[in-house]
Amino acid sequence: MAHYFTREEAEALLPEITVVLYKIQESHRNVLALKTELEEIQAQAMGNGHHLYERILRLQQDVAASMQQLRDALEELEPFGCELKDPAIGLIDFLSLRDGEEVYLCWKLGEQSVAFWHYLHTGFAGRQPLD
């Protein structure tokens, strides 16, 4: 059975969730940057890039390590019961009930409190103030 969060329950988790979100964001940025660098080096190596082999190998290992760090951080978020919607902006949804209907309480990193909600099908664009 799904757990429905109250606003107070969701807000009580924000300090701990914030710490994990910063880890997720850092790992996510690292993965993206390393993948971009790897793609650029691989493109250079398409011609006569034997001299780039060691660098490509190192970058592949760095990507794998950063991906594992990201997976670890995402696993750290799981016990909270919230849903990560966008790691880049730290967007989190908490399943809740509003007038007997399932909705999401919506919060993103940097907001002081859980002040928005939206229907399950509307997403971030459908955010509405709680009050």
C-alpha atoms as a PDB file:
ATOM      1  CA  MET A   1       0.000   0.000   0.000  1.00  0.00           C
ATOM      2  CA  ALA A   2       1.275   3.432  -0.913  1.00  0.00           C
ATOM      3  CA  HIS A   3       2.318   5.870   1.781  1.00  0.00           C
ATOM      4  CA  TYR A   4       0.625   9.246   1.506  1.00  0.00           C
ATOM      5  CA  PHE A   5       2.642  12.129   2.885  1.00  0.00           C
ATOM      6  CA  THR A   6       1.222  15.063   4.728  1.00  0.00           C
ATOM      7  CA  ARG A   7       2.885  18.396   4.166  1.00  0.00           C
ATOM      8  CA  GLU A   8       4.357  18.203   7.672  1.00  0.00           C
ATOM      9  CA  GLU A   9       5.796  14.728   7.090  1.00  0.00           C
ATOM     10  CA  ALA A  10       7.394  15.816   3.818  1.00  0.00           C
ATOM     11  CA  GLU A  11       8.848  18.974   5.340  1.00  0.00           C
ATOM     12  CA  ALA A  12      10.310  17.032   8.270  1.00  0.00           C
ATOM     13  CA  LEU A  13      12.412  15.041   5.764  1.00  0.00           C
ATOM     14  CA  LEU A  14      13.740  18.041   3.830  1.00  0.00           C
ATOM     15  CA  PRO A  15      16.979  18.569   5.823  1.00  0.00           C
ATOM     16  CA  GLU A  16      18.070  14.951   5.283  1.00  0.00           C
ATOM     17  CA  ILE A  17      16.829  14.845   1.689  1.00  0.00           C
ATOM     18  CA  THR A  18      18.746  18.050   0.929  1.00  0.00           C
ATOM     19  CA  VAL A  19      22.057  16.426   1.919  1.00  0.00           C
ATOM     20  CA  VAL A  20      21.360  13.444  -0.347  1.00  0.00           C
ATOM     21  CA  LEU A  21      20.226  15.679  -3.216  1.00  0.00           C
ATOM     22  CA  TYR A  22      23.510  17.567  -3.161  1.00  0.00           C
ATOM     23  CA  LYS A  23      25.336  14.242  -3.511  1.00  0.00           C
ATOM     24  CA  ILE A  24      23.042  13.251  -6.370  1.00  0.00           C
ATOM     25  CA  GLN A  25      23.568  16.567  -8.141  1.00  0.00           C
ATOM     26  CA  GLU A  26      27.348  16.409  -7.794  1.00  0.00           C
ATOM     27  CA  SER A  27      27.466  12.833  -9.072  1.00  0.00           C
ATOM     28  CA  HIS A  28      25.059  13.640 -11.900  1.00  0.00           C
ATOM     29  CA  ARG A  29      27.167  16.634 -13.013  1.00  0.00           C
ATOM     30  CA  ASN A  30      30.330  14.505 -12.863  1.00  0.00           C
ATOM     31  CA  VAL A  31      28.790  11.755 -14.971  1.00  0.00           C
ATOM     32  CA  LEU A  32      27.603  14.231 -17.603  1.00  0.00           C
ATOM     33  CA  ALA A  33      30.943  16.043 -17.754  1.00  0.00           C
ATOM     34  CA  LEU A  34      32.958  12.820 -17.984  1.00  0.00           C
ATOM     35  CA  LYS A  35      30.687  11.372 -20.658  1.00  0.00           C
ATOM     36  CA  THR A  36      31.015  14.553 -22.709  1.00  0.00           C
ATOM     37  CA  GLU A  37      34.796  14.479 -22.389  1.00  0.00           C
ATOM     38  CA  LEU A  38      34.880  10.782 -23.279  1.00  0.00           C
ATOM     39  CA  GLU A  39      32.740  11.341 -26.385  1.00  0.00           C
ATOM     40  CA  GLU A  40      35.042  14.165 -27.520  1.00  0.00           C
ATOM     41  CA  ILE A  41      38.174  12.067 -27.034  1.00  0.00           C
ATOM     42  CA  GLN A  42      36.597   9.075 -28.783  1.00  0.00           C
ATOM     43  CA  ALA A  43      35.702  11.306 -31.730  1.00  0.00           C
ATOM     44  CA  GLN A  44      39.321  12.487 -31.911  1.00  0.00           C
ATOM     45  CA  ALA A  45      40.515   8.892 -31.786  1.00  0.00           C
ATOM     46  CA  MET A  46      38.399   7.834 -34.772  1.00  0.00           C
ATOM     47  CA  GLY A  47      41.186   8.692 -37.157  1.00  0.00           C
ATOM     48  CA  ASN A  48      44.568   7.781 -35.842  1.00  0.00           C
ATOM     49  CA  GLY A  49      44.023   7.973 -32.105  1.00  0.00           C
ATOM     50  CA  HIS A  50      46.095   5.145 -30.743  1.00  0.00           C
ATOM     51  CA  HIS A  51      47.881   7.649 -28.529  1.00  0.00           C
ATOM     52  CA  LEU A  52      44.551   8.406 -26.833  1.00  0.00           C
ATOM     53  CA  TYR A  53      43.893   4.826 -25.749  1.00  0.00           C
ATOM     54  CA  GLU A  54      45.122   5.269 -22.151  1.00  0.00           C
ATOM     55  CA  ARG A  55      43.146   8.474 -21.727  1.00  0.00           C
ATOM     56  CA  ILE A  56      39.975   6.822 -23.075  1.00  0.00           C
ATOM     57  CA  LEU A  57      40.463   3.886 -20.746  1.00  0.00           C
ATOM     58  CA  ARG A  58      40.906   6.201 -17.751  1.00  0.00           C
ATOM     59  CA  LEU A  59      37.813   8.200 -18.686  1.00  0.00           C
ATOM     60  CA  GLN A  60      35.766   5.027 -19.054  1.00  0.00           C
ATOM     61  CA  GLN A  61      36.848   3.994 -15.557  1.00  0.00           C
ATOM     62  CA  ASP A  62      36.017   7.461 -14.216  1.00  0.00           C
ATOM     63  CA  VAL A  63      32.560   7.334 -15.827  1.00  0.00           C
ATOM     64  CA  ALA A  64      31.918   3.916 -14.271  1.00  0.00           C
ATOM     65  CA  ALA A  65      33.029   5.149 -10.832  1.00  0.00           C
ATOM     66  CA  SER A  66      30.878   8.278 -11.086  1.00  0.00           C
ATOM     67  CA  MET A  67      27.890   6.209 -12.216  1.00  0.00           C
ATOM     68  CA  GLN A  68      28.329   4.020  -9.133  1.00  0.00           C
ATOM     69  CA  GLN A  69      28.472   7.095  -6.893  1.00  0.00           C
ATOM     70  CA  LEU A  70      25.244   8.313  -8.509  1.00  0.00           C
ATOM     71  CA  ARG A  71      23.564   4.928  -8.008  1.00  0.00           C
ATOM     72  CA  ASP A  72      24.684   4.914  -4.368  1.00  0.00           C
ATOM     73  CA  ALA A  73      23.255   8.396  -3.780  1.00  0.00           C
ATOM     74  CA  LEU A  74      19.986   7.438  -5.484  1.00  0.00           C
ATOM     75  CA  GLU A  75      19.756   4.373  -3.239  1.00  0.00           C
ATOM     76  CA  GLU A  76      20.288   6.662  -0.250  1.00  0.00           C
ATOM     77  CA  LEU A  77      17.189   8.604  -1.292  1.00  0.00           C
ATOM     78  CA  GLU A  78      14.939   5.523  -1.597  1.00  0.00           C
ATOM     79  CA  PRO A  79      14.138   4.996   2.114  1.00  0.00           C
ATOM     80  CA  PHE A  80      12.586   8.470   2.304  1.00  0.00           C
ATOM     81  CA  GLY A  81       9.751   7.329   0.033  1.00  0.00           C
ATOM     82  CA  CYS A  82       9.834  10.390  -2.192  1.00  0.00           C
ATOM     83  CA  GLU A  83      10.318  10.410  -5.964  1.00  0.00           C
ATOM     84  CA  LEU A  84      13.210  12.187  -7.657  1.00  0.00           C
ATOM     85  CA  LYS A  85      11.870  13.875 -10.780  1.00  0.00           C
ATOM     86  CA  ASP A  86      14.859  15.951 -11.905  1.00  0.00           C
ATOM     87  CA  PRO A  87      18.334  15.539 -10.427  1.00  0.00           C
ATOM     88  CA  ALA A  88      19.675  18.700 -12.090  1.00  0.00           C
ATOM     89  CA  ILE A  89      17.326  21.007 -10.155  1.00  0.00           C
ATOM     90  CA  GLY A  90      16.704  18.688  -7.214  1.00  0.00           C
ATOM     91  CA  LEU A  91      13.006  18.225  -7.916  1.00  0.00           C
ATOM     92  CA  ILE A  92      11.202  15.876  -5.541  1.00  0.00           C
ATOM     93  CA  ASP A  93       7.587  14.687  -5.366  1.00  0.00           C
ATOM     94  CA  PHE A  94       5.827  13.198  -2.361  1.00  0.00           C
ATOM     95  CA  LEU A  95       2.712  11.143  -2.986  1.00  0.00           C
ATOM     96  CA  SER A  96      -0.208  12.650  -1.084  1.00  0.00           C
ATOM     97  CA  LEU A  97      -3.995  12.877  -0.981  1.00  0.00           C
ATOM     98  CA  ARG A  98      -5.933  16.043  -1.715  1.00  0.00           C
ATOM     99  CA  ASP A  99      -9.700  15.863  -1.404  1.00  0.00           C
ATOM    100  CA  GLY A 100      -9.448  12.069  -1.648  1.00  0.00           C
ATOM    101  CA  GLU A 101      -7.438  12.154  -4.900  1.00  0.00           C
ATOM    102  CA  GLU A 102      -3.811  11.087  -5.306  1.00  0.00           C
ATOM    103  CA  VAL A 103      -1.564  14.075  -6.008  1.00  0.00           C
ATOM    104  CA  TYR A 104       2.058  14.981  -5.515  1.00  0.00           C
ATOM    105  CA  LEU A 105       3.405  17.465  -3.033  1.00  0.00           C
ATOM    106  CA  CYS A 106       6.134  19.136  -5.048  1.00  0.00           C
ATOM    107  CA  TRP A 107       9.399  20.572  -3.732  1.00  0.00           C
ATOM    108  CA  LYS A 108      12.684  21.532  -5.273  1.00  0.00           C
ATOM    109  CA  LEU A 109      16.071  22.201  -3.781  1.00  0.00           C
ATOM    110  CA  GLY A 110      16.330  25.760  -2.510  1.00  0.00           C
ATOM    111  CA  GLU A 111      12.664  26.142  -1.591  1.00  0.00           C
ATOM    112  CA  GLN A 112      12.138  26.795   2.114  1.00  0.00           C
ATOM    113  CA  SER A 113       9.107  24.535   2.455  1.00  0.00           C
ATOM    114  CA  VAL A 114       6.739  22.260   0.577  1.00  0.00           C
ATOM    115  CA  ALA A 115       4.474  24.918  -0.864  1.00  0.00           C
ATOM    116  CA  PHE A 116       3.185  23.351  -4.086  1.00  0.00           C
ATOM    117  CA  TRP A 117       1.221  20.350  -5.301  1.00  0.00           C
ATOM    118  CA  HIS A 118       0.196  18.976  -8.694  1.00  0.00           C
ATOM    119  CA  TYR A 119      -1.871  16.189 -10.169  1.00  0.00           C
ATOM    120  CA  LEU A 120      -0.011  12.993 -10.998  1.00  0.00           C
ATOM    121  CA  HIS A 121      -0.326  13.578 -14.746  1.00  0.00           C
ATOM    122  CA  THR A 122       0.570  17.288 -14.893  1.00  0.00           C
ATOM    123  CA  GLY A 123       4.079  17.313 -13.465  1.00  0.00           C
ATOM    124  CA  PHE A 124       6.109  20.379 -12.553  1.00  0.00           C
ATOM    125  CA  ALA A 125       4.329  22.558 -15.127  1.00  0.00           C
ATOM    126  CA  GLY A 126       1.055  21.937 -13.293  1.00  0.00           C
ATOM    127  CA  ARG A 127       2.305  23.073  -9.875  1.00  0.00           C
ATOM    128  CA  GLN A 128      -0.216  24.935  -7.788  1.00  0.00           C
ATOM    129  CA  PRO A 129       0.218  26.639  -4.416  1.00  0.00           C
ATOM    130  CA  LEU A 130      -0.905  24.609  -1.404  1.00  0.00           C
ATOM    131  CA  ASP A 131      -2.458  27.604   0.331  1.00  0.00           C
END
